[in-house]
Amino acid sequence: MKAYELLFFVDPTTNEETRAGVMKRIEVAITTDGGTVDSVEDWGKRKLAYEIDHLTEGDYTLINFHADPSQIAELDRVLRINDAVKRHMIVARTDKD
């Protein structure tokens, strides 16, 4: 398993049910083939550098996880088709262990 981090943001006006649904779907995509979620950090509202979909702020979340490299394409697909997620980035990181 390789170490990755995922940073994404949703519209800050999105309700808690939708946010919880996004998090659950991400968790399922990561853990389906044996991946593990190491940590989840809610960064809260941050001002965007430029307007995206008429938004000037985003509600950010950072997830550190371990997964098989073959799972990353599926996770990326899940995030792209989810309308609540405005932008995301998955990056391989050096393992801190």
N, C-alpha and C. Protein backbone atom coordinates (compact mmCIF):
# COMPACT_ATOMS: atom_id res chain seq x y z
N MET A 1 0.84 -1.18 0.00
CA MET A 1 0.00 0.00 0.00
C MET A 1 0.88 1.25 0.00
N LYS A 2 0.49 2.21 -0.83
CA LYS A 2 1.21 3.48 -0.90
C LYS A 2 0.43 4.53 -0.12
N ALA A 3 1.14 5.56 0.32
CA ALA A 3 0.52 6.64 1.07
C ALA A 3 0.08 7.75 0.12
N TYR A 4 -1.11 8.28 0.36
CA TYR A 4 -1.68 9.35 -0.45
C TYR A 4 -2.35 10.36 0.45
N GLU A 5 -2.57 11.55 -0.12
CA GLU A 5 -3.44 12.51 0.55
C GLU A 5 -4.41 13.08 -0.48
N LEU A 6 -5.60 13.33 -0.02
CA LEU A 6 -6.67 13.86 -0.85
C LEU A 6 -7.14 15.16 -0.22
N LEU A 7 -7.13 16.22 -0.99
CA LEU A 7 -7.66 17.50 -0.56
C LEU A 7 -8.82 17.84 -1.49
N PHE A 8 -9.97 18.15 -0.90
CA PHE A 8 -11.12 18.53 -1.73
C PHE A 8 -11.91 19.61 -1.02
N PHE A 9 -12.74 20.32 -1.79
CA PHE A 9 -13.65 21.27 -1.15
C PHE A 9 -15.03 21.18 -1.76
N VAL A 10 -16.00 21.54 -0.90
CA VAL A 10 -17.40 21.58 -1.30
C VAL A 10 -17.90 23.00 -1.07
N ASP A 11 -19.06 23.30 -1.61
CA ASP A 11 -19.70 24.58 -1.40
C ASP A 11 -19.95 24.75 0.10
N PRO A 12 -19.58 25.89 0.69
CA PRO A 12 -19.76 26.07 2.13
C PRO A 12 -21.22 26.08 2.57
N THR A 13 -22.15 26.28 1.64
CA THR A 13 -23.56 26.26 2.00
C THR A 13 -24.16 24.85 1.92
N THR A 14 -23.35 23.85 1.58
CA THR A 14 -23.83 22.48 1.50
C THR A 14 -24.21 21.99 2.89
N ASN A 15 -25.34 21.27 2.97
CA ASN A 15 -25.80 20.80 4.28
C ASN A 15 -24.96 19.62 4.79
N GLU A 16 -25.09 19.32 6.08
CA GLU A 16 -24.28 18.28 6.72
C GLU A 16 -24.57 16.89 6.15
N GLU A 17 -25.80 16.63 5.76
CA GLU A 17 -26.14 15.32 5.18
C GLU A 17 -25.35 15.07 3.91
N THR A 18 -25.27 16.06 3.06
CA THR A 18 -24.52 15.93 1.80
C THR A 18 -23.05 15.74 2.07
N ARG A 19 -22.49 16.52 3.01
CA ARG A 19 -21.07 16.37 3.38
C ARG A 19 -20.80 14.97 3.91
N ALA A 20 -21.68 14.47 4.77
CA ALA A 20 -21.50 13.13 5.33
C ALA A 20 -21.58 12.08 4.24
N GLY A 21 -22.47 12.28 3.26
CA GLY A 21 -22.58 11.36 2.14
C GLY A 21 -21.32 11.34 1.29
N VAL A 22 -20.74 12.51 1.06
CA VAL A 22 -19.49 12.60 0.30
C VAL A 22 -18.38 11.86 1.05
N MET A 23 -18.26 12.11 2.34
CA MET A 23 -17.23 11.45 3.15
C MET A 23 -17.41 9.93 3.16
N LYS A 24 -18.65 9.48 3.27
CA LYS A 24 -18.92 8.03 3.29
C LYS A 24 -18.53 7.41 1.95
N ARG A 25 -18.87 8.07 0.86
CA ARG A 25 -18.54 7.54 -0.48
C ARG A 25 -17.03 7.49 -0.69
N ILE A 26 -16.31 8.50 -0.22
CA ILE A 26 -14.85 8.50 -0.32
C ILE A 26 -14.27 7.38 0.51
N GLU A 27 -14.77 7.22 1.73
CA GLU A 27 -14.28 6.15 2.61
C GLU A 27 -14.51 4.78 1.99
N VAL A 28 -15.67 4.56 1.39
CA VAL A 28 -15.96 3.28 0.74
C VAL A 28 -15.01 3.05 -0.43
N ALA A 29 -14.76 4.08 -1.23
CA ALA A 29 -13.87 3.95 -2.38
C ALA A 29 -12.45 3.61 -1.94
N ILE A 30 -12.01 4.15 -0.80
CA ILE A 30 -10.65 3.89 -0.31
C ILE A 30 -10.55 2.49 0.29
N THR A 31 -11.52 2.11 1.09
CA THR A 31 -11.41 0.86 1.87
C THR A 31 -11.91 -0.39 1.15
N THR A 32 -12.49 -0.25 -0.04
CA THR A 32 -13.05 -1.39 -0.74
C THR A 32 -12.04 -2.52 -0.95
N ASP A 33 -10.84 -2.22 -1.40
CA ASP A 33 -9.84 -3.25 -1.68
C ASP A 33 -8.72 -3.26 -0.65
N GLY A 34 -9.04 -2.94 0.60
CA GLY A 34 -8.05 -3.05 1.66
C GLY A 34 -7.34 -1.77 2.02
N GLY A 35 -7.71 -0.65 1.45
CA GLY A 35 -7.08 0.62 1.81
C GLY A 35 -7.50 1.06 3.21
N THR A 36 -6.75 1.97 3.79
CA THR A 36 -7.07 2.45 5.13
C THR A 36 -7.02 3.97 5.15
N VAL A 37 -7.94 4.57 5.90
CA VAL A 37 -7.95 6.01 6.11
C VAL A 37 -7.14 6.28 7.37
N ASP A 38 -6.06 7.06 7.24
CA ASP A 38 -5.19 7.35 8.38
C ASP A 38 -5.72 8.52 9.21
N SER A 39 -6.09 9.60 8.55
CA SER A 39 -6.59 10.77 9.27
C SER A 39 -7.47 11.62 8.36
N VAL A 40 -8.39 12.33 9.00
CA VAL A 40 -9.27 13.26 8.29
C VAL A 40 -9.19 14.59 9.03
N GLU A 41 -8.82 15.64 8.31
CA GLU A 41 -8.73 16.97 8.90
C GLU A 41 -9.73 17.89 8.20
N ASP A 42 -10.63 18.46 8.99
CA ASP A 42 -11.59 19.42 8.45
C ASP A 42 -10.95 20.80 8.57
N TRP A 43 -10.59 21.39 7.44
CA TRP A 43 -9.94 22.70 7.45
C TRP A 43 -10.94 23.84 7.53
N GLY A 44 -12.20 23.56 7.30
CA GLY A 44 -13.22 24.60 7.37
C GLY A 44 -13.24 25.49 6.14
N LYS A 45 -13.87 26.65 6.28
CA LYS A 45 -14.02 27.58 5.16
C LYS A 45 -12.72 28.31 4.89
N ARG A 46 -12.35 28.36 3.63
CA ARG A 46 -11.17 29.10 3.18
C ARG A 46 -11.55 29.91 1.95
N LYS A 47 -10.95 31.08 1.81
CA LYS A 47 -11.18 31.91 0.64
C LYS A 47 -10.45 31.30 -0.55
N LEU A 48 -11.12 31.25 -1.69
CA LEU A 48 -10.52 30.72 -2.90
C LEU A 48 -9.67 31.79 -3.58
N ALA A 49 -8.63 31.38 -4.27
CA ALA A 49 -7.77 32.31 -4.98
C ALA A 49 -8.50 32.98 -6.14
N TYR A 50 -9.43 32.25 -6.72
CA TYR A 50 -10.25 32.79 -7.80
C TYR A 50 -11.62 32.13 -7.74
N GLU A 51 -12.58 32.75 -8.38
CA GLU A 51 -13.96 32.27 -8.33
C GLU A 51 -14.11 30.96 -9.10
N ILE A 52 -14.75 29.98 -8.48
CA ILE A 52 -15.02 28.69 -9.11
C ILE A 52 -16.52 28.42 -8.97
N ASP A 53 -17.20 28.23 -10.08
CA ASP A 53 -18.66 28.00 -10.08
C ASP A 53 -19.40 29.05 -9.24
N HIS A 54 -19.02 30.31 -9.40
CA HIS A 54 -19.61 31.44 -8.70
C HIS A 54 -19.40 31.38 -7.19
N LEU A 55 -18.39 30.65 -6.72
CA LEU A 55 -18.06 30.57 -5.30
C LEU A 55 -16.77 31.33 -5.03
N THR A 56 -16.71 32.02 -3.91
CA THR A 56 -15.48 32.69 -3.50
C THR A 56 -14.87 32.03 -2.27
N GLU A 57 -15.61 31.08 -1.65
CA GLU A 57 -15.12 30.33 -0.50
C GLU A 57 -15.40 28.85 -0.72
N GLY A 58 -14.62 28.02 -0.05
CA GLY A 58 -14.84 26.58 -0.10
C GLY A 58 -14.65 25.98 1.27
N ASP A 59 -15.31 24.87 1.54
CA ASP A 59 -15.17 24.14 2.81
C ASP A 59 -14.24 22.96 2.56
N TYR A 60 -13.00 23.06 3.03
CA TYR A 60 -11.93 22.10 2.69
C TYR A 60 -11.85 20.94 3.67
N THR A 61 -11.44 19.78 3.14
CA THR A 61 -11.17 18.59 3.94
C THR A 61 -9.92 17.92 3.38
N LEU A 62 -9.02 17.51 4.28
CA LEU A 62 -7.79 16.80 3.92
C LEU A 62 -7.87 15.40 4.48
N ILE A 63 -7.64 14.39 3.63
CA ILE A 63 -7.67 12.99 4.05
C ILE A 63 -6.34 12.35 3.72
N ASN A 64 -5.66 11.79 4.72
CA ASN A 64 -4.45 11.00 4.53
C ASN A 64 -4.87 9.54 4.55
N PHE A 65 -4.39 8.76 3.57
CA PHE A 65 -4.80 7.36 3.51
C PHE A 65 -3.74 6.51 2.82
N HIS A 66 -3.85 5.21 3.02
CA HIS A 66 -3.00 4.23 2.32
C HIS A 66 -3.92 3.43 1.41
N ALA A 67 -3.50 3.22 0.18
CA ALA A 67 -4.31 2.47 -0.78
C ALA A 67 -3.41 1.87 -1.84
N ASP A 68 -3.96 0.89 -2.53
CA ASP A 68 -3.27 0.30 -3.68
C ASP A 68 -3.34 1.32 -4.82
N PRO A 69 -2.27 1.50 -5.58
CA PRO A 69 -2.30 2.48 -6.68
C PRO A 69 -3.44 2.26 -7.68
N SER A 70 -3.91 1.03 -7.82
CA SER A 70 -5.01 0.77 -8.76
C SER A 70 -6.33 1.36 -8.27
N GLN A 71 -6.45 1.66 -6.99
CA GLN A 71 -7.69 2.24 -6.45
C GLN A 71 -7.80 3.74 -6.72
N ILE A 72 -6.72 4.38 -7.03
CA ILE A 72 -6.72 5.84 -7.18
C ILE A 72 -7.57 6.28 -8.36
N ALA A 73 -7.54 5.54 -9.44
CA ALA A 73 -8.37 5.89 -10.61
C ALA A 73 -9.85 5.83 -10.25
N GLU A 74 -10.26 4.83 -9.48
CA GLU A 74 -11.67 4.71 -9.07
C GLU A 74 -12.04 5.85 -8.13
N LEU A 75 -11.17 6.18 -7.19
CA LEU A 75 -11.44 7.29 -6.27
C LEU A 75 -11.56 8.59 -7.05
N ASP A 76 -10.69 8.82 -8.02
CA ASP A 76 -10.75 10.02 -8.85
C ASP A 76 -12.07 10.08 -9.62
N ARG A 77 -12.51 8.95 -10.15
CA ARG A 77 -13.78 8.88 -10.88
C ARG A 77 -14.95 9.22 -9.96
N VAL A 78 -14.94 8.68 -8.75
CA VAL A 78 -16.01 8.94 -7.78
C VAL A 78 -16.08 10.43 -7.45
N LEU A 79 -14.93 11.05 -7.27
CA LEU A 79 -14.91 12.48 -6.94
C LEU A 79 -15.35 13.35 -8.12
N ARG A 80 -14.99 12.96 -9.34
CA ARG A 80 -15.37 13.75 -10.51
C ARG A 80 -16.88 13.72 -10.77
N ILE A 81 -17.53 12.60 -10.49
CA ILE A 81 -18.96 12.51 -10.78
C ILE A 81 -19.83 13.03 -9.64
N ASN A 82 -19.23 13.30 -8.49
CA ASN A 82 -19.98 13.82 -7.36
C ASN A 82 -20.15 15.33 -7.51
N ASP A 83 -21.39 15.78 -7.63
CA ASP A 83 -21.65 17.20 -7.86
C ASP A 83 -21.31 18.08 -6.66
N ALA A 84 -21.31 17.52 -5.46
CA ALA A 84 -21.02 18.31 -4.26
C ALA A 84 -19.54 18.70 -4.20
N VAL A 85 -18.66 17.85 -4.73
CA VAL A 85 -17.22 18.14 -4.70
C VAL A 85 -16.90 19.07 -5.88
N LYS A 86 -16.43 20.28 -5.55
CA LYS A 86 -16.15 21.26 -6.59
C LYS A 86 -14.77 21.05 -7.21
N ARG A 87 -13.76 20.79 -6.38
CA ARG A 87 -12.41 20.50 -6.86
C ARG A 87 -11.77 19.50 -5.90
N HIS A 88 -10.84 18.71 -6.44
CA HIS A 88 -10.11 17.76 -5.59
C HIS A 88 -8.72 17.52 -6.17
N MET A 89 -7.84 17.03 -5.31
CA MET A 89 -6.49 16.69 -5.75
C MET A 89 -6.00 15.51 -4.90
N ILE A 90 -5.53 14.47 -5.58
CA ILE A 90 -4.96 13.30 -4.92
C ILE A 90 -3.46 13.30 -5.22
N VAL A 91 -2.66 13.23 -4.17
CA VAL A 91 -1.21 13.32 -4.31
C VAL A 91 -0.58 12.17 -3.53
N ALA A 92 0.41 11.49 -4.16
CA ALA A 92 1.19 10.50 -3.43
C ALA A 92 2.11 11.24 -2.48
N ARG A 93 2.22 10.75 -1.24
CA ARG A 93 3.06 11.41 -0.26
C ARG A 93 4.09 10.44 0.27
N THR A 94 5.14 10.98 0.82
CA THR A 94 6.12 10.11 1.46
C THR A 94 5.52 9.61 2.75
N ASP A 95 5.68 8.34 3.01
CA ASP A 95 5.07 7.74 4.19
C ASP A 95 5.75 8.28 5.45
N LYS A 96 4.96 8.67 6.42
CA LYS A 96 5.49 9.25 7.66
C LYS A 96 5.85 8.17 8.67
N ASP A 97 5.55 6.93 8.38
CA ASP A 97 5.82 5.84 9.33
C ASP A 97 7.27 5.44 9.30
